[in-house]
């Protein structure tokens, strides 16, 4: 694996850990979205919204 690909994968893993940490600290989806929106590099608003919705839903399933 190339150095750049390894670096990108490392950054994605860090973002994933951060997002899961933050979601556990939030009371509402809006609070969660506001805290992590700018950390997601992809500029596709639909992608970002879908990603955060998926994380929020998964977190709430695990919480029950």
PDB file of N, CA and C in Angstrom:
ATOM      1  N   UNK A   1       0.854  -1.171   0.000  1.00  0.00           N
ATOM      2  CA  UNK A   1       0.000   0.000   0.000  1.00  0.00           C
ATOM      3  C   UNK A   1       0.897   1.229   0.000  1.00  0.00           C
ATOM      4  N   UNK A   2       0.516   2.210  -0.788  1.00  0.00           N
ATOM      5  CA  UNK A   2       1.307   3.422  -0.883  1.00  0.00           C
ATOM      6  C   UNK A   2       1.176   4.287   0.368  1.00  0.00           C
ATOM      7  N   UNK A   3       2.142   5.155   0.523  1.00  0.00           N
ATOM      8  CA  UNK A   3       2.154   6.043   1.693  1.00  0.00           C
ATOM      9  C   UNK A   3       0.934   6.947   1.760  1.00  0.00           C
ATOM     10  N   UNK A   4       0.547   7.491   0.630  1.00  0.00           N
ATOM     11  CA  UNK A   4      -0.597   8.407   0.612  1.00  0.00           C
ATOM     12  C   UNK A   4      -1.878   7.660   0.977  1.00  0.00           C
ATOM     13  N   UNK A   5      -2.067   6.483   0.400  1.00  0.00           N
ATOM     14  CA  UNK A   5      -3.259   5.704   0.712  1.00  0.00           C
ATOM     15  C   UNK A   5      -3.283   5.345   2.197  1.00  0.00           C
ATOM     16  N   UNK A   6      -2.166   4.967   2.750  1.00  0.00           N
ATOM     17  CA  UNK A   6      -2.081   4.643   4.175  1.00  0.00           C
ATOM     18  C   UNK A   6      -2.417   5.855   5.027  1.00  0.00           C
ATOM     19  N   UNK A   7      -1.952   7.022   4.619  1.00  0.00           N
ATOM     20  CA  UNK A   7      -2.239   8.251   5.354  1.00  0.00           C
ATOM     21  C   UNK A   7      -3.739   8.572   5.308  1.00  0.00           C
ATOM     22  N   UNK A   8      -4.349   8.418   4.142  1.00  0.00           N
ATOM     23  CA  UNK A   8      -5.778   8.683   3.992  1.00  0.00           C
ATOM     24  C   UNK A   8      -6.592   7.706   4.838  1.00  0.00           C
ATOM     25  N   UNK A   9      -6.218   6.449   4.820  1.00  0.00           N
ATOM     26  CA  UNK A   9      -6.937   5.458   5.612  1.00  0.00           C
ATOM     27  C   UNK A   9      -6.796   5.754   7.110  1.00  0.00           C
ATOM     28  N   UNK A  10      -5.633   6.211   7.521  1.00  0.00           N
ATOM     29  CA  UNK A  10      -5.419   6.588   8.920  1.00  0.00           C
ATOM     30  C   UNK A  10      -6.310   7.767   9.297  1.00  0.00           C
ATOM     31  N   UNK A  11      -6.403   8.759   8.417  1.00  0.00           N
ATOM     32  CA  UNK A  11      -7.255   9.918   8.671  1.00  0.00           C
ATOM     33  C   UNK A  11      -8.734   9.515   8.748  1.00  0.00           C
ATOM     34  N   UNK A  12      -9.161   8.610   7.873  1.00  0.00           N
ATOM     35  CA  UNK A  12     -10.536   8.136   7.906  1.00  0.00           C
ATOM     36  C   UNK A  12     -10.838   7.412   9.220  1.00  0.00           C
ATOM     37  N   UNK A  13      -9.897   6.629   9.683  1.00  0.00           N
ATOM     38  CA  UNK A  13     -10.074   5.915  10.942  1.00  0.00           C
ATOM     39  C   UNK A  13     -10.166   6.895  12.116  1.00  0.00           C
ATOM     40  N   UNK A  14      -9.333   7.897  12.107  1.00  0.00           N
ATOM     41  CA  UNK A  14      -9.390   8.919  13.161  1.00  0.00           C
ATOM     42  C   UNK A  14     -10.714   9.667  13.143  1.00  0.00           C
ATOM     43  N   UNK A  15     -11.191  10.017  11.943  1.00  0.00           N
ATOM     44  CA  UNK A  15     -12.476  10.696  11.820  1.00  0.00           C
ATOM     45  C   UNK A  15     -13.586   9.808  12.351  1.00  0.00           C
ATOM     46  N   UNK A  16     -13.561   8.538  11.999  1.00  0.00           N
ATOM     47  CA  UNK A  16     -14.574   7.603  12.464  1.00  0.00           C
ATOM     48  C   UNK A  16     -14.576   7.528  13.991  1.00  0.00           C
ATOM     49  N   UNK A  17     -13.412   7.435  14.607  1.00  0.00           N
ATOM     50  CA  UNK A  17     -13.319   7.399  16.067  1.00  0.00           C
ATOM     51  C   UNK A  17     -13.855   8.691  16.675  1.00  0.00           C
ATOM     52  N   UNK A  18     -13.507   9.814  16.085  1.00  0.00           N
ATOM     53  CA  UNK A  18     -13.976  11.115  16.570  1.00  0.00           C
ATOM     54  C   UNK A  18     -15.492  11.213  16.488  1.00  0.00           C
ATOM     55  N   UNK A  19     -16.047  10.831  15.342  1.00  0.00           N
ATOM     56  CA  UNK A  19     -17.488  10.917  15.134  1.00  0.00           C
ATOM     57  C   UNK A  19     -18.217  10.045  16.153  1.00  0.00           C
ATOM     58  N   UNK A  20     -17.733   8.829  16.391  1.00  0.00           N
ATOM     59  CA  UNK A  20     -18.389   7.949  17.352  1.00  0.00           C
ATOM     60  C   UNK A  20     -18.228   8.468  18.773  1.00  0.00           C
ATOM     61  N   UNK A  21     -17.141   9.125  19.073  1.00  0.00           N
ATOM     62  CA  UNK A  21     -16.976   9.731  20.394  1.00  0.00           C
ATOM     63  C   UNK A  21     -17.972  10.886  20.570  1.00  0.00           C
ATOM     64  N   UNK A  22     -18.054  11.743  19.580  1.00  0.00           N
ATOM     65  CA  UNK A  22     -18.934  12.915  19.649  1.00  0.00           C
ATOM     66  C   UNK A  22     -20.402  12.508  19.713  1.00  0.00           C
ATOM     67  N   UNK A  23     -20.812  11.527  18.940  1.00  0.00           N
ATOM     68  CA  UNK A  23     -22.223  11.130  18.932  1.00  0.00           C
ATOM     69  C   UNK A  23     -22.655  10.686  20.324  1.00  0.00           C
ATOM     70  N   UNK A  24     -21.762  10.094  21.069  1.00  0.00           N
ATOM     71  CA  UNK A  24     -22.117   9.639  22.416  1.00  0.00           C
ATOM     72  C   UNK A  24     -22.272  10.800  23.398  1.00  0.00           C
ATOM     73  N   UNK A  25     -21.785  11.965  23.022  1.00  0.00           N
ATOM     74  CA  UNK A  25     -21.861  13.140  23.883  1.00  0.00           C
ATOM     75  C   UNK A  25     -23.049  14.053  23.553  1.00  0.00           C
ATOM     76  N   UNK A  26     -23.804  13.728  22.516  1.00  0.00           N
ATOM     77  CA  UNK A  26     -24.864  14.620  22.032  1.00  0.00           C
ATOM     78  C   UNK A  26     -26.250  14.126  22.425  1.00  0.00           C
ATOM     79  N   UNK A  27     -27.122  15.078  22.689  1.00  0.00           N
ATOM     80  CA  UNK A  27     -28.506  14.777  23.040  1.00  0.00           C
ATOM     81  C   UNK A  27     -29.420  14.730  21.809  1.00  0.00           C
ATOM     82  N   UNK A  28     -29.090  15.509  20.773  1.00  0.00           N
ATOM     83  CA  UNK A  28     -29.930  15.564  19.577  1.00  0.00           C
ATOM     84  C   UNK A  28     -29.075  15.407  18.320  1.00  0.00           C
ATOM     85  N   UNK A  29     -29.758  15.048  17.231  1.00  0.00           N
ATOM     86  CA  UNK A  29     -29.068  14.930  15.952  1.00  0.00           C
ATOM     87  C   UNK A  29     -28.482  16.273  15.523  1.00  0.00           C
ATOM     88  N   UNK A  30     -29.227  17.342  15.737  1.00  0.00           N
ATOM     89  CA  UNK A  30     -28.746  18.677  15.336  1.00  0.00           C
ATOM     90  C   UNK A  30     -27.457  19.050  16.073  1.00  0.00           C
ATOM     91  N   UNK A  31     -27.397  18.764  17.344  1.00  0.00           N
ATOM     92  CA  UNK A  31     -26.183  19.034  18.114  1.00  0.00           C
ATOM     93  C   UNK A  31     -25.013  18.226  17.548  1.00  0.00           C
ATOM     94  N   UNK A  32     -25.272  16.966  17.258  1.00  0.00           N
ATOM     95  CA  UNK A  32     -24.254  16.092  16.669  1.00  0.00           C
ATOM     96  C   UNK A  32     -23.780  16.636  15.327  1.00  0.00           C
ATOM     97  N   UNK A  33     -24.738  16.990  14.467  1.00  0.00           N
ATOM     98  CA  UNK A  33     -24.398  17.498  13.133  1.00  0.00           C
ATOM     99  C   UNK A  33     -23.546  18.756  13.226  1.00  0.00           C
ATOM    100  N   UNK A  34     -23.921  19.667  14.091  1.00  0.00           N
ATOM    101  CA  UNK A  34     -23.169  20.919  14.233  1.00  0.00           C
ATOM    102  C   UNK A  34     -21.725  20.671  14.686  1.00  0.00           C
ATOM    103  N   UNK A  35     -21.533  19.680  15.527  1.00  0.00           N
ATOM    104  CA  UNK A  35     -20.191  19.421  16.061  1.00  0.00           C
ATOM    105  C   UNK A  35     -19.257  18.748  15.057  1.00  0.00           C
ATOM    106  N   UNK A  36     -19.792  17.936  14.151  1.00  0.00           N
ATOM    107  CA  UNK A  36     -18.901  17.176  13.264  1.00  0.00           C
ATOM    108  C   UNK A  36     -18.968  17.563  11.795  1.00  0.00           C
ATOM    109  N   UNK A  37     -19.936  18.365  11.398  1.00  0.00           N
ATOM    110  CA  UNK A  37     -20.141  18.686   9.979  1.00  0.00           C
ATOM    111  C   UNK A  37     -18.855  19.147   9.291  1.00  0.00           C
ATOM    112  N   UNK A  38     -18.139  20.082   9.861  1.00  0.00           N
ATOM    113  CA  UNK A  38     -16.961  20.657   9.216  1.00  0.00           C
ATOM    114  C   UNK A  38     -15.749  19.719   9.201  1.00  0.00           C
ATOM    115  N   UNK A  39     -15.794  18.654   9.965  1.00  0.00           N
ATOM    116  CA  UNK A  39     -14.680  17.710   9.988  1.00  0.00           C
ATOM    117  C   UNK A  39     -14.730  16.721   8.835  1.00  0.00           C
ATOM    118  N   UNK A  40     -15.888  16.625   8.190  1.00  0.00           N
ATOM    119  CA  UNK A  40     -16.027  15.718   7.050  1.00  0.00           C
ATOM    120  C   UNK A  40     -15.598  16.471   5.803  1.00  0.00           C
ATOM    121  N   UNK A  41     -14.540  16.011   5.193  1.00  0.00           N
ATOM    122  CA  UNK A  41     -13.909  16.722   4.082  1.00  0.00           C
ATOM    123  C   UNK A  41     -14.772  16.719   2.825  1.00  0.00           C
ATOM    124  N   UNK A  42     -15.507  15.661   2.589  1.00  0.00           N
ATOM    125  CA  UNK A  42     -16.327  15.559   1.385  1.00  0.00           C
ATOM    126  C   UNK A  42     -17.311  16.726   1.337  1.00  0.00           C
ATOM    127  N   UNK A  43     -17.356  17.439   0.226  1.00  0.00           N
ATOM    128  CA  UNK A  43     -18.213  18.613   0.089  1.00  0.00           C
ATOM    129  C   UNK A  43     -19.628  18.294  -0.381  1.00  0.00           C
ATOM    130  N   UNK A  44     -19.911  17.039  -0.631  1.00  0.00           N
ATOM    131  CA  UNK A  44     -21.240  16.626  -1.070  1.00  0.00           C
ATOM    132  C   UNK A  44     -22.178  16.641   0.143  1.00  0.00           C
ATOM    133  N   UNK A  45     -23.082  17.612   0.176  1.00  0.00           N
ATOM    134  CA  UNK A  45     -23.976  17.803   1.325  1.00  0.00           C
ATOM    135  C   UNK A  45     -24.837  16.567   1.572  1.00  0.00           C
ATOM    136  N   UNK A  46     -25.319  15.944   0.505  1.00  0.00           N
ATOM    137  CA  UNK A  46     -26.146  14.748   0.649  1.00  0.00           C
ATOM    138  C   UNK A  46     -25.336  13.626   1.284  1.00  0.00           C
ATOM    139  N   UNK A  47     -24.110  13.433   0.828  1.00  0.00           N
ATOM    140  CA  UNK A  47     -23.245  12.400   1.391  1.00  0.00           C
ATOM    141  C   UNK A  47     -23.018  12.648   2.882  1.00  0.00           C
ATOM    142  N   UNK A  48     -22.685  13.874   3.236  1.00  0.00           N
ATOM    143  CA  UNK A  48     -22.431  14.197   4.640  1.00  0.00           C
ATOM    144  C   UNK A  48     -23.677  13.967   5.490  1.00  0.00           C
ATOM    145  N   UNK A  49     -24.813  14.416   4.999  1.00  0.00           N
ATOM    146  CA  UNK A  49     -26.059  14.230   5.732  1.00  0.00           C
ATOM    147  C   UNK A  49     -26.401  12.765   5.923  1.00  0.00           C
ATOM    148  N   UNK A  50     -26.238  11.990   4.852  1.00  0.00           N
ATOM    149  CA  UNK A  50     -26.522  10.555   4.926  1.00  0.00           C
ATOM    150  C   UNK A  50     -25.566   9.859   5.896  1.00  0.00           C
ATOM    151  N   UNK A  51     -24.295  10.216   5.836  1.00  0.00           N
ATOM    152  CA  UNK A  51     -23.293   9.623   6.718  1.00  0.00           C
ATOM    153  C   UNK A  51     -23.634   9.887   8.183  1.00  0.00           C
ATOM    154  N   UNK A  52     -23.943  11.135   8.499  1.00  0.00           N
ATOM    155  CA  UNK A  52     -24.251  11.485   9.879  1.00  0.00           C
ATOM    156  C   UNK A  52     -25.566  10.853  10.326  1.00  0.00           C
ATOM    157  N   UNK A  53     -26.553  10.790   9.452  1.00  0.00           N
ATOM    158  CA  UNK A  53     -27.819  10.132   9.785  1.00  0.00           C
ATOM    159  C   UNK A  53     -27.601   8.656  10.094  1.00  0.00           C
ATOM    160  N   UNK A  54     -26.764   8.012   9.291  1.00  0.00           N
ATOM    161  CA  UNK A  54     -26.461   6.595   9.522  1.00  0.00           C
ATOM    162  C   UNK A  54     -25.784   6.386  10.869  1.00  0.00           C
ATOM    163  N   UNK A  55     -24.814   7.223  11.190  1.00  0.00           N
ATOM    164  CA  UNK A  55     -24.111   7.101  12.467  1.00  0.00           C
ATOM    165  C   UNK A  55     -25.082   7.331  13.621  1.00  0.00           C
ATOM    166  N   UNK A  56     -25.914   8.378  13.513  1.00  0.00           N
ATOM    167  CA  UNK A  56     -26.880   8.696  14.567  1.00  0.00           C
ATOM    168  C   UNK A  56     -27.845   7.526  14.774  1.00  0.00           C
ATOM    169  N   UNK A  57     -28.361   6.968  13.688  1.00  0.00           N
ATOM    170  CA  UNK A  57     -29.291   5.848  13.781  1.00  0.00           C
ATOM    171  C   UNK A  57     -28.628   4.630  14.406  1.00  0.00           C
ATOM    172  N   UNK A  58     -27.441   4.323  13.965  1.00  0.00           N
ATOM    173  CA  UNK A  58     -26.715   3.164  14.498  1.00  0.00           C
ATOM    174  C   UNK A  58     -26.420   3.346  15.979  1.00  0.00           C
ATOM    175  N   UNK A  59     -26.020   4.537  16.359  1.00  0.00           N
ATOM    176  CA  UNK A  59     -25.728   4.825  17.766  1.00  0.00           C
ATOM    177  C   UNK A  59     -26.987   4.618  18.614  1.00  0.00           C
ATOM    178  N   UNK A  60     -28.106   5.124  18.145  1.00  0.00           N
ATOM    179  CA  UNK A  60     -29.343   4.997  18.904  1.00  0.00           C
ATOM    180  C   UNK A  60     -29.829   3.545  18.985  1.00  0.00           C
ATOM    181  N   UNK A  61     -29.573   2.732  17.974  1.00  0.00           N
ATOM    182  CA  UNK A  61     -29.911   1.311  18.024  1.00  0.00           C
ATOM    183  C   UNK A  61     -29.070   0.623  19.105  1.00  0.00           C
ATOM    184  N   UNK A  62     -27.783   0.944  19.143  1.00  0.00           N
ATOM    185  CA  UNK A  62     -26.879   0.321  20.109  1.00  0.00           C
ATOM    186  C   UNK A  62     -27.192   0.767  21.531  1.00  0.00           C
ATOM    187  N   UNK A  63     -27.692   1.969  21.674  1.00  0.00           N
ATOM    188  CA  UNK A  63     -27.985   2.535  22.972  1.00  0.00           C
ATOM    189  C   UNK A  63     -29.168   1.824  23.646  1.00  0.00           C
ATOM    190  N   UNK A  64     -30.073   1.304  22.875  1.00  0.00           N
ATOM    191  CA  UNK A  64     -31.301   0.674  23.417  1.00  0.00           C
ATOM    192  C   UNK A  64     -31.058  -0.683  23.987  1.00  0.00           C
TER     193      UNK A  64
END
